[in-house]
Amino acid sequence: MNVKVISRNVGFALLVSALFMFFSVLVSISNPTGNDSALAALSISCLITFLVGIFPFIFVRKSEAITLQDGYMIIFLSWTLSFIFGMLPYALWGGPFSVINSLFESVSGYTTTGATILSNVESIPKSLLFWRSSTHFIGGLGVVVFLLLIIPSSSPVRLRLTNMEVSSLSRDGYQSRTFKTVFIFTYVYVGLTFAAFICYLLCGMSAFDAINHAFSVVATGGFSTKNLSLASFHSVSINIVSMVFMVLGSMHFGYIYLSIVNHSVKPLNNPVTKLYLLSMLVFSLILSFYFKITGIYTGWGDALMNGSFHVISMSSSTGLAISDNVTWPFAVTAIIIFLMIQCGCSGSTAGGVKCDRTLVLFKALGRQIRTAIHPSTVKEIKFGERVMKDEMVYQSVLYITLYLIVILISSGVCILSGVDSENSFVSSVSCLGNIGPALGRYGNLGNYDSMNVISKLTLVVDMFLGRVEIYPILAAFSLMFTFKRK
């Protein structure tokens, strides 16, 4: 492995975090009533992160050569060190942030999971809340994507890392050269964030709440500045704006870009987008109808709003809430768990196995049934006009299998550590899917503070695996194990 190229690229990832820590320091300084209590913690964290990040640029020579192994280590270390240095502001500030809680909050932010250990969000200084939301913005775009934005398009480093960071499921949707893919994703991501910020302002949010929730909703993260999440605002317009941007944030950014530049919705007319939007519509109607007939909500308006909002929130892996799900019955829980496993589309900021793989799985099952009935007929799996190779089908089905295995293992570890089986399972599904809130005690208006250390560490691993889609992490560990043996 090339230590030079790895250290320089990982160093840049830390500089991105240092930059947003500096912005958080400015938020603290700009407080009308004087510097808030997080100023020292953020300033020290910013300085430490900056010095460690800039070190390779001063003392390590630049190297363009990069291997497959180097690429995996850059991705793994960029995320891991971002988690570690990102927890410094929490740990240095103190309060509810023990070391494990600081790590949990940091990983949850960067992976856009939105799970929290905080029981009283509004007691946290504004500058620290801004840092917390900033980790969503960084993680939604991706620490490696920030790196790719400044690497020359002709660099072999850029080509290699782009192919690793961008899922193979999503590449076709960009319909452009590899080096443009990163810029397209960035244009759409930043554009949606700015649009969400303006819309929240127009709906009556303060500038501080608007920027924090814009960071959260487009990154499909879920951190809020309020204890009751969006329920604190009691605003139908804010709920609707949030639903629109949760849907957009969980759709393929390449298709959104093509729709904008071509002034046409035709690029969105593809099987994956249709399945995703249809599934949200159907489950929203089912949940809303169930809420109404069971009397959970007495009016059709409340039933439709709560059913639609929470289906979209879970499907997009955002996790924002407008009501508490702690008392929801099992029938609702079963629907939510399915949505938490599937989530949004590839090429977006959403988590889960992705709607693309769900469609591949359904098509593969259909082909097997047709083959059993008509063995001599040649069957192909198509995505619109594109014929999928068996290798891609195999990879998708294998990933879903591996994903479910990880859920079972992490659930088992949580159960053995003392968490009840229901909460262990749903929390594992939620954190691996980067959704955040689970159900019951750890629901959308609850928190994970009461979990023991082993369970929190297990969920931290789940969040990391869900964000980078398992394979790069397994590859990095395999490389480290092989390197040690040598």
Protein backbone atom coordinates (compact mmCIF):
# COMPACT_ATOMS: atom_id res chain seq x y z
CA MET A 1 0.00 0.00 0.00
CA ASN A 2 1.16 3.52 -0.84
CA VAL A 3 1.26 5.32 2.52
CA LYS A 4 1.98 8.67 0.84
CA VAL A 5 -1.10 8.79 -1.35
CA ILE A 6 -3.27 7.39 1.45
CA SER A 7 -2.10 9.91 4.06
CA ARG A 8 -2.47 12.95 1.80
CA ASN A 9 -6.00 12.04 0.71
CA VAL A 10 -7.11 11.16 4.23
CA GLY A 11 -5.58 14.43 5.40
CA PHE A 12 -7.82 16.37 3.05
CA ALA A 13 -10.90 14.60 4.45
CA LEU A 14 -9.92 15.88 7.91
CA LEU A 15 -9.45 19.41 6.56
CA VAL A 16 -13.08 19.37 5.40
CA SER A 17 -14.18 18.59 8.96
CA ALA A 18 -11.86 21.29 10.30
CA LEU A 19 -13.48 23.82 7.94
CA PHE A 20 -16.98 23.10 9.24
CA MET A 21 -15.70 23.17 12.82
CA PHE A 22 -14.43 26.67 12.04
CA PHE A 23 -17.89 27.62 10.74
CA SER A 24 -19.30 26.31 14.04
CA VAL A 25 -16.83 28.52 15.93
CA LEU A 26 -18.18 31.49 13.96
CA VAL A 27 -21.72 30.51 15.01
CA SER A 28 -20.58 30.55 18.64
CA ILE A 29 -18.89 33.94 18.28
CA SER A 30 -21.92 35.45 16.52
CA ASN A 31 -24.24 34.58 19.40
CA PRO A 32 -26.01 37.90 20.31
CA THR A 33 -25.75 37.15 24.05
CA GLY A 34 -22.02 36.35 23.89
CA ASN A 35 -19.91 33.31 23.07
CA ASP A 36 -21.75 30.10 23.96
CA SER A 37 -20.26 27.35 26.11
CA ALA A 38 -19.05 25.24 23.17
CA LEU A 39 -16.60 27.84 21.84
CA ALA A 40 -13.53 26.38 23.56
CA ALA A 41 -14.41 22.79 22.65
CA LEU A 42 -14.98 23.67 18.99
CA SER A 43 -11.88 25.87 18.74
CA ILE A 44 -9.59 23.22 20.21
CA SER A 45 -11.18 20.51 18.03
CA CYS A 46 -10.80 22.67 14.93
CA LEU A 47 -7.12 23.33 15.66
CA ILE A 48 -6.30 19.67 16.36
CA THR A 49 -8.18 18.43 13.29
CA PHE A 50 -6.56 21.07 11.07
CA LEU A 51 -3.02 20.29 12.27
CA VAL A 52 -3.44 16.54 11.78
CA GLY A 53 -5.07 17.07 8.38
CA ILE A 54 -2.43 19.50 7.10
CA PHE A 55 0.51 17.41 8.32
CA PRO A 56 0.71 15.07 5.27
CA PHE A 57 0.64 18.03 2.86
CA ILE A 58 3.72 19.53 4.54
CA PHE A 59 5.83 16.45 5.21
CA VAL A 60 4.68 13.87 2.64
CA ARG A 61 5.55 14.13 -1.05
CA LYS A 62 2.72 14.14 -3.55
CA SER A 63 2.15 10.84 -5.36
CA GLU A 64 -0.34 10.15 -8.16
CA ALA A 65 0.03 6.38 -8.20
CA ILE A 66 -2.88 4.53 -6.62
CA THR A 67 -3.84 0.89 -6.47
CA LEU A 68 -7.15 -0.79 -5.75
CA GLN A 69 -5.89 -1.51 -2.23
CA ASP A 70 -4.94 2.15 -1.69
CA GLY A 71 -8.42 3.25 -2.76
CA TYR A 72 -10.17 1.01 -0.25
CA MET A 73 -7.89 2.19 2.54
CA ILE A 74 -8.49 5.85 1.62
CA ILE A 75 -12.24 5.33 1.83
CA PHE A 76 -12.02 3.37 5.09
CA LEU A 77 -9.59 5.72 6.84
CA SER A 78 -11.26 8.91 5.58
CA TRP A 79 -14.53 7.88 7.17
CA THR A 80 -13.01 6.35 10.31
CA LEU A 81 -10.79 9.33 11.15
CA SER A 82 -13.64 11.73 10.38
CA PHE A 83 -15.69 9.87 13.01
CA ILE A 84 -12.88 10.07 15.56
CA PHE A 85 -12.01 13.74 15.07
CA GLY A 86 -15.69 14.61 14.65
CA MET A 87 -16.41 13.37 18.18
CA LEU A 88 -13.90 15.82 19.72
CA PRO A 89 -16.31 18.80 20.01
CA TYR A 90 -18.82 16.62 21.86
CA ALA A 91 -16.28 14.97 24.16
CA LEU A 92 -14.51 18.25 25.03
CA TRP A 93 -17.81 20.02 25.72
CA GLY A 94 -18.96 17.25 28.07
CA GLY A 95 -22.46 17.19 29.50
CA PRO A 96 -24.25 14.04 28.26
CA PHE A 97 -21.36 13.28 25.89
CA SER A 98 -19.25 10.52 27.39
CA VAL A 99 -16.62 9.03 25.07
CA ILE A 100 -18.97 6.35 23.73
CA ASN A 101 -21.84 8.84 23.40
CA SER A 102 -19.58 11.28 21.54
CA LEU A 103 -18.53 8.54 19.14
CA PHE A 104 -22.15 7.44 18.66
CA GLU A 105 -23.31 10.99 17.88
CA SER A 106 -20.37 11.60 15.53
CA VAL A 107 -20.87 8.38 13.55
CA SER A 108 -24.62 8.96 13.44
CA GLY A 109 -24.05 12.43 12.00
CA TYR A 110 -21.47 11.55 9.35
CA THR A 111 -23.37 8.47 8.20
CA THR A 112 -26.58 10.56 8.02
CA THR A 113 -28.29 8.14 10.36
CA GLY A 114 -29.74 10.66 12.78
CA ALA A 115 -29.82 8.38 15.83
CA THR A 116 -29.03 10.37 18.96
CA ILE A 117 -28.20 9.92 22.63
CA LEU A 118 -29.62 13.34 23.50
CA SER A 119 -32.78 13.54 25.58
CA ASN A 120 -32.79 17.34 25.61
CA VAL A 121 -31.53 18.64 22.27
CA GLU A 122 -32.56 22.21 23.04
CA SER A 123 -30.16 22.40 26.00
CA ILE A 124 -27.16 22.00 23.68
CA PRO A 125 -25.35 25.22 22.56
CA LYS A 126 -26.33 26.43 19.09
CA SER A 127 -22.77 26.18 17.79
CA LEU A 128 -22.59 22.51 18.79
CA LEU A 129 -25.98 21.87 17.20
CA PHE A 130 -24.67 23.50 14.03
CA TRP A 131 -21.62 21.21 14.10
CA ARG A 132 -23.96 18.26 14.63
CA SER A 133 -26.01 19.20 11.56
CA SER A 134 -22.83 19.95 9.59
CA THR A 135 -21.74 16.33 9.96
CA HIS A 136 -24.96 15.44 8.12
CA PHE A 137 -24.04 17.82 5.30
CA ILE A 138 -20.49 16.42 5.08
CA GLY A 139 -21.65 12.82 5.31
CA GLY A 140 -24.52 13.25 2.85
CA LEU A 141 -22.16 14.46 0.17
CA GLY A 142 -19.48 12.09 1.45
CA VAL A 143 -16.04 12.83 2.85
CA VAL A 144 -14.48 11.13 -0.18
CA VAL A 145 -16.60 13.20 -2.60
CA PHE A 146 -15.17 16.39 -1.07
CA LEU A 147 -11.76 14.97 -1.89
CA LEU A 148 -12.76 14.11 -5.45
CA LEU A 149 -13.94 17.67 -6.09
CA ILE A 150 -10.39 19.05 -5.89
CA ILE A 151 -8.52 16.21 -7.64
CA PRO A 152 -7.80 16.97 -11.34
CA SER A 153 -10.10 15.11 -13.73
CA SER A 154 -7.13 13.50 -15.46
CA SER A 155 -5.76 12.05 -12.23
CA PRO A 156 -5.80 8.24 -11.90
CA VAL A 157 -6.57 8.77 -8.22
CA ARG A 158 -9.86 10.44 -9.12
CA LEU A 159 -10.92 7.75 -11.57
CA ARG A 160 -10.16 4.96 -9.11
CA LEU A 161 -11.87 6.59 -6.13
CA THR A 162 -14.95 7.61 -8.13
CA ASN A 163 -15.49 4.03 -9.25
CA MET A 164 -15.22 2.88 -5.63
CA GLU A 165 -17.29 5.61 -3.98
CA VAL A 166 -20.16 5.58 -6.50
CA SER A 167 -22.25 2.42 -6.37
CA SER A 168 -22.28 0.40 -9.58
CA LEU A 169 -26.08 0.42 -9.35
CA SER A 170 -26.19 4.20 -9.76
CA ARG A 171 -23.60 4.88 -12.49
CA ASP A 172 -25.90 4.41 -15.47
CA GLY A 173 -28.22 7.12 -14.20
CA TYR A 174 -25.60 9.81 -14.62
CA GLN A 175 -25.16 9.19 -18.36
CA SER A 176 -21.87 11.10 -18.32
CA ARG A 177 -18.15 10.61 -18.03
CA THR A 178 -16.93 9.30 -14.71
CA PHE A 179 -15.17 12.53 -13.73
CA LYS A 180 -18.45 14.48 -14.19
CA THR A 181 -20.44 12.17 -11.93
CA VAL A 182 -19.06 13.73 -8.75
CA PHE A 183 -19.88 17.26 -9.92
CA ILE A 184 -23.43 16.29 -10.94
CA PHE A 185 -24.04 14.76 -7.51
CA THR A 186 -22.60 17.87 -5.85
CA TYR A 187 -24.62 20.33 -7.98
CA VAL A 188 -27.88 18.58 -7.14
CA TYR A 189 -26.99 18.10 -3.46
CA VAL A 190 -25.97 21.71 -2.85
CA GLY A 191 -28.85 23.01 -4.97
CA LEU A 192 -31.43 21.00 -3.03
CA THR A 193 -29.90 22.11 0.28
CA PHE A 194 -30.12 25.78 -0.71
CA ALA A 195 -33.69 25.34 -1.99
CA ALA A 196 -34.72 23.60 1.24
CA PHE A 197 -33.17 26.42 3.29
CA ILE A 198 -35.14 29.07 1.36
CA CYS A 199 -38.39 27.10 1.60
CA TYR A 200 -37.99 26.65 5.37
CA LEU A 201 -37.39 30.39 5.74
CA LEU A 202 -40.54 31.14 3.75
CA CYS A 203 -42.47 28.76 6.02
CA GLY A 204 -41.49 30.75 9.09
CA MET A 205 -38.40 28.98 10.44
CA SER A 206 -35.57 31.06 11.85
CA ALA A 207 -32.38 31.15 9.76
CA PHE A 208 -30.63 28.89 12.28
CA ASP A 209 -33.38 26.26 12.30
CA ALA A 210 -33.73 26.49 8.51
CA ILE A 211 -30.07 25.80 7.71
CA ASN A 212 -29.87 22.96 10.24
CA HIS A 213 -33.00 21.27 8.94
CA ALA A 214 -31.94 21.83 5.33
CA PHE A 215 -28.65 20.04 6.09
CA SER A 216 -30.65 17.26 7.70
CA VAL A 217 -33.48 16.75 5.23
CA VAL A 218 -31.45 16.72 1.99
CA ALA A 219 -28.80 14.46 3.50
CA THR A 220 -31.73 12.25 4.63
CA GLY A 221 -30.16 12.45 8.08
CA GLY A 222 -32.76 13.33 10.71
CA PHE A 223 -31.01 15.52 13.29
CA SER A 224 -33.25 18.35 14.47
CA THR A 225 -32.67 21.40 16.66
CA LYS A 226 -35.83 20.59 18.62
CA ASN A 227 -36.68 17.90 21.18
CA LEU A 228 -39.89 17.03 19.33
CA SER A 229 -38.30 17.20 15.89
CA LEU A 230 -40.60 18.88 13.33
CA ALA A 231 -43.59 18.40 15.64
CA SER A 232 -42.27 21.43 17.57
CA PHE A 233 -43.18 23.77 14.72
CA HIS A 234 -46.87 22.75 14.40
CA SER A 235 -46.75 23.76 10.74
CA VAL A 236 -48.40 21.95 7.85
CA SER A 237 -46.31 23.91 5.34
CA ILE A 238 -43.04 22.87 7.05
CA ASN A 239 -44.22 19.25 7.04
CA ILE A 240 -45.01 19.40 3.31
CA VAL A 241 -41.68 21.06 2.45
CA SER A 242 -39.89 18.37 4.46
CA MET A 243 -41.75 15.59 2.64
CA VAL A 244 -40.87 17.04 -0.77
CA PHE A 245 -37.16 17.30 0.02
CA MET A 246 -37.03 13.92 1.74
CA VAL A 247 -38.37 12.38 -1.48
CA LEU A 248 -35.93 14.37 -3.66
CA GLY A 249 -33.01 13.57 -1.39
CA SER A 250 -33.70 9.85 -1.68
CA MET A 251 -34.07 9.78 -5.49
CA HIS A 252 -31.23 9.26 -7.97
CA PHE A 253 -29.44 12.60 -8.28
CA GLY A 254 -28.39 11.83 -11.85
CA TYR A 255 -32.00 11.58 -12.96
CA ILE A 256 -32.91 14.77 -11.09
CA TYR A 257 -30.03 16.57 -12.85
CA LEU A 258 -31.11 15.32 -16.27
CA SER A 259 -34.69 16.37 -15.58
CA ILE A 260 -33.55 19.89 -14.73
CA VAL A 261 -31.17 20.41 -17.66
CA ASN A 262 -33.57 18.82 -20.16
CA HIS A 263 -36.66 20.56 -18.71
CA SER A 264 -38.43 17.22 -18.76
CA VAL A 265 -39.55 14.56 -16.28
CA LYS A 266 -38.76 11.83 -18.83
CA PRO A 267 -35.47 10.83 -17.08
CA LEU A 268 -37.56 10.02 -13.99
CA ASN A 269 -39.67 7.63 -16.06
CA ASN A 270 -37.64 4.54 -15.15
CA PRO A 271 -38.60 1.31 -13.32
CA VAL A 272 -36.73 2.06 -10.08
CA THR A 273 -38.16 5.56 -9.60
CA LYS A 274 -41.64 4.27 -10.45
CA LEU A 275 -41.36 1.44 -7.91
CA TYR A 276 -40.03 3.78 -5.23
CA LEU A 277 -42.71 6.44 -5.66
CA LEU A 278 -45.47 3.86 -6.04
CA SER A 279 -44.41 2.01 -2.89
CA MET A 280 -44.47 5.24 -0.88
CA LEU A 281 -47.89 6.15 -2.26
CA VAL A 282 -49.41 2.73 -1.54
CA PHE A 283 -47.97 2.43 1.97
CA SER A 284 -48.93 6.03 2.77
CA LEU A 285 -52.54 5.30 1.88
CA ILE A 286 -52.52 2.01 3.81
CA LEU A 287 -51.02 3.61 6.92
CA SER A 288 -53.30 6.65 6.75
CA PHE A 289 -56.40 4.47 6.35
CA TYR A 290 -55.28 2.29 9.27
CA PHE A 291 -54.71 5.34 11.48
CA LYS A 292 -58.21 6.59 10.70
CA ILE A 293 -60.22 3.39 11.13
CA THR A 294 -58.42 2.44 14.37
CA GLY A 295 -58.94 5.92 15.82
CA ILE A 296 -55.25 6.69 16.33
CA TYR A 297 -56.08 9.94 14.51
CA THR A 298 -59.70 11.03 14.43
CA GLY A 299 -59.61 13.29 11.37
CA TRP A 300 -58.71 12.29 7.82
CA GLY A 301 -56.38 15.26 7.54
CA ASP A 302 -54.29 14.20 10.56
CA ALA A 303 -54.34 10.57 9.46
CA LEU A 304 -53.16 11.41 5.93
CA MET A 305 -50.48 13.81 7.14
CA ASN A 306 -49.06 11.42 9.74
CA GLY A 307 -49.31 8.36 7.51
CA SER A 308 -47.70 10.05 4.51
CA PHE A 309 -45.03 11.90 6.49
CA HIS A 310 -43.75 8.89 8.39
CA VAL A 311 -43.80 6.57 5.38
CA ILE A 312 -41.72 9.10 3.45
CA SER A 313 -39.47 9.72 6.44
CA MET A 314 -38.70 6.02 6.85
CA SER A 315 -38.56 5.24 3.11
CA SER A 316 -36.06 8.01 2.54
CA SER A 317 -34.07 6.93 5.65
CA THR A 318 -34.41 10.45 7.08
CA GLY A 319 -36.13 9.76 10.37
CA LEU A 320 -37.68 13.18 11.03
CA ALA A 321 -40.95 13.04 12.94
CA ILE A 322 -44.17 14.95 13.49
CA SER A 323 -45.62 12.57 16.13
CA ASP A 324 -44.48 9.82 18.48
CA ASN A 325 -44.56 6.23 17.19
CA VAL A 326 -44.09 4.60 20.60
CA THR A 327 -47.71 3.38 20.77
CA TRP A 328 -48.11 2.25 17.17
CA PRO A 329 -49.46 -1.33 16.88
CA PHE A 330 -47.69 -4.32 15.32
CA ALA A 331 -49.48 -3.99 11.95
CA VAL A 332 -47.90 -0.56 11.50
CA THR A 333 -44.54 -1.82 12.76
CA ALA A 334 -44.39 -4.52 10.07
CA ILE A 335 -44.89 -1.93 7.30
CA ILE A 336 -42.29 0.40 8.79
CA ILE A 337 -39.69 -2.38 9.10
CA PHE A 338 -40.06 -3.25 5.39
CA LEU A 339 -39.60 0.41 4.47
CA MET A 340 -36.58 0.64 6.77
CA ILE A 341 -34.90 -2.26 4.98
CA GLN A 342 -35.63 -1.12 1.43
CA CYS A 343 -35.29 2.71 1.74
CA GLY A 344 -34.48 4.95 -1.24
CA CYS A 345 -32.74 4.75 -4.61
CA SER A 346 -29.08 4.32 -5.44
CA GLY A 347 -27.32 7.53 -6.48
CA SER A 348 -28.98 9.40 -3.59
CA THR A 349 -28.18 10.08 0.06
CA ALA A 350 -30.62 7.41 1.28
CA GLY A 351 -29.60 4.25 3.12
CA GLY A 352 -30.98 0.70 3.16
CA VAL A 353 -30.51 -2.03 0.57
CA LYS A 354 -31.88 0.45 -2.00
CA CYS A 355 -35.03 0.17 -4.10
CA ASP A 356 -32.87 -0.84 -7.08
CA ARG A 357 -31.81 -4.09 -5.44
CA THR A 358 -35.38 -4.80 -4.32
CA LEU A 359 -36.50 -4.56 -7.94
CA VAL A 360 -33.63 -6.79 -9.07
CA LEU A 361 -34.62 -9.36 -6.44
CA PHE A 362 -38.28 -9.35 -7.55
CA LYS A 363 -37.27 -9.69 -11.19
CA ALA A 364 -34.84 -12.51 -10.37
CA LEU A 365 -37.56 -14.38 -8.47
CA GLY A 366 -39.95 -13.88 -11.39
CA ARG A 367 -37.36 -15.26 -13.81
CA GLN A 368 -36.82 -18.34 -11.64
CA ILE A 369 -40.56 -19.03 -11.54
CA ARG A 370 -40.87 -18.63 -15.33
CA THR A 371 -37.84 -20.86 -15.87
CA ALA A 372 -39.38 -23.56 -13.65
CA ILE A 373 -42.56 -23.46 -15.76
CA HIS A 374 -40.85 -23.09 -19.17
CA PRO A 375 -37.27 -24.44 -18.81
CA SER A 376 -36.38 -24.10 -22.51
CA THR A 377 -37.21 -20.38 -22.73
CA VAL A 378 -34.34 -17.88 -22.48
CA LYS A 379 -35.17 -15.32 -19.80
CA GLU A 380 -33.54 -11.92 -19.47
CA ILE A 381 -33.87 -9.39 -16.66
CA LYS A 382 -34.44 -5.88 -17.96
CA PHE A 383 -34.28 -2.46 -16.35
CA GLY A 384 -36.25 -0.43 -18.84
CA GLU A 385 -34.36 -0.95 -22.11
CA ARG A 386 -31.21 -2.21 -20.40
CA VAL A 387 -30.57 -5.93 -20.02
CA MET A 388 -28.96 -6.77 -16.69
CA LYS A 389 -26.06 -9.19 -16.70
CA ASP A 390 -26.33 -12.21 -14.44
CA GLU A 391 -23.27 -10.97 -12.59
CA MET A 392 -25.09 -7.78 -11.55
CA VAL A 393 -28.15 -9.77 -10.51
CA TYR A 394 -25.96 -12.08 -8.44
CA GLN A 395 -24.22 -9.12 -6.76
CA SER A 396 -27.53 -7.52 -5.82
CA VAL A 397 -29.05 -10.69 -4.39
CA LEU A 398 -25.81 -11.46 -2.54
CA TYR A 399 -25.74 -7.96 -1.06
CA ILE A 400 -29.32 -8.30 0.23
CA THR A 401 -28.39 -11.64 1.79
CA LEU A 402 -25.29 -10.16 3.41
CA TYR A 403 -27.32 -7.17 4.61
CA LEU A 404 -29.83 -9.44 6.37
CA ILE A 405 -27.01 -11.48 7.90
CA VAL A 406 -25.50 -8.31 9.38
CA ILE A 407 -28.90 -7.43 10.89
CA LEU A 408 -29.16 -10.87 12.49
CA ILE A 409 -25.61 -10.74 13.88
CA SER A 410 -25.93 -7.22 15.30
CA SER A 411 -29.37 -8.07 16.75
CA GLY A 412 -27.84 -11.13 18.42
CA VAL A 413 -25.00 -9.11 19.93
CA CYS A 414 -27.46 -6.53 21.30
CA ILE A 415 -29.63 -9.28 22.80
CA LEU A 416 -26.62 -10.93 24.46
CA SER A 417 -25.59 -7.55 25.89
CA GLY A 418 -28.95 -7.18 27.61
CA VAL A 419 -31.28 -5.38 25.18
CA ASP A 420 -34.67 -7.03 24.59
CA SER A 421 -35.10 -8.89 21.30
CA GLU A 422 -37.66 -6.52 19.70
CA ASN A 423 -35.63 -3.37 20.33
CA SER A 424 -32.40 -5.14 19.33
CA PHE A 425 -33.81 -6.14 15.96
CA VAL A 426 -35.53 -2.86 15.06
CA SER A 427 -32.56 -0.75 16.22
CA SER A 428 -30.20 -2.86 14.12
CA VAL A 429 -32.45 -2.48 11.08
CA SER A 430 -32.69 1.26 11.68
CA CYS A 431 -28.97 1.92 12.17
CA LEU A 432 -27.81 -0.32 9.32
CA GLY A 433 -30.32 1.45 7.08
CA ASN A 434 -29.03 4.85 8.31
CA ILE A 435 -32.54 5.79 9.41
CA GLY A 436 -31.88 6.59 13.07
CA PRO A 437 -35.13 6.36 15.01
CA ALA A 438 -36.45 2.85 15.58
CA LEU A 439 -39.69 1.95 17.33
CA GLY A 440 -40.83 1.78 20.94
CA ARG A 441 -38.27 3.08 23.45
CA TYR A 442 -35.90 4.13 20.67
CA GLY A 443 -38.63 5.60 18.49
CA ASN A 444 -38.71 8.80 16.50
CA LEU A 445 -39.04 11.02 19.58
CA GLY A 446 -36.82 8.85 21.80
CA ASN A 447 -33.06 8.38 22.06
CA TYR A 448 -30.41 5.68 22.47
CA ASP A 449 -28.80 6.98 25.68
CA SER A 450 -30.12 4.10 27.79
CA MET A 451 -28.41 1.47 25.63
CA ASN A 452 -25.32 -0.18 27.08
CA VAL A 453 -21.83 0.36 25.68
CA ILE A 454 -21.65 -2.93 23.73
CA SER A 455 -24.96 -2.25 22.00
CA LYS A 456 -23.95 1.31 21.12
CA LEU A 457 -20.67 0.08 19.62
CA THR A 458 -22.58 -2.55 17.65
CA LEU A 459 -24.92 0.08 16.24
CA VAL A 460 -21.92 2.31 15.43
CA VAL A 461 -20.56 -0.51 13.26
CA ASP A 462 -24.00 -0.94 11.68
CA MET A 463 -24.16 2.76 10.78
CA PHE A 464 -20.71 2.64 9.20
CA LEU A 465 -21.49 -0.52 7.21
CA GLY A 466 -24.78 0.95 6.00
CA ARG A 467 -23.21 4.19 4.81
CA VAL A 468 -20.44 2.67 2.71
CA GLU A 469 -22.50 -0.40 1.69
CA ILE A 470 -20.53 -3.15 3.52
CA TYR A 471 -18.14 -4.27 0.75
CA PRO A 472 -15.48 -1.51 1.11
CA ILE A 473 -15.29 -2.13 4.86
CA LEU A 474 -14.87 -5.87 4.40
CA ALA A 475 -12.24 -5.23 1.72
CA ALA A 476 -10.32 -2.82 3.98
CA PHE A 477 -10.31 -5.27 6.89
CA SER A 478 -9.19 -8.03 4.56
CA LEU A 479 -6.31 -5.85 3.33
CA MET A 480 -5.26 -4.94 6.88
CA PHE A 481 -5.36 -8.59 7.93
CA THR A 482 -3.32 -9.62 4.89
CA PHE A 483 -0.84 -6.77 5.50
CA LYS A 484 -0.33 -7.89 9.12
CA ARG A 485 0.28 -11.49 8.05
CA LYS A 486 2.95 -10.33 5.62
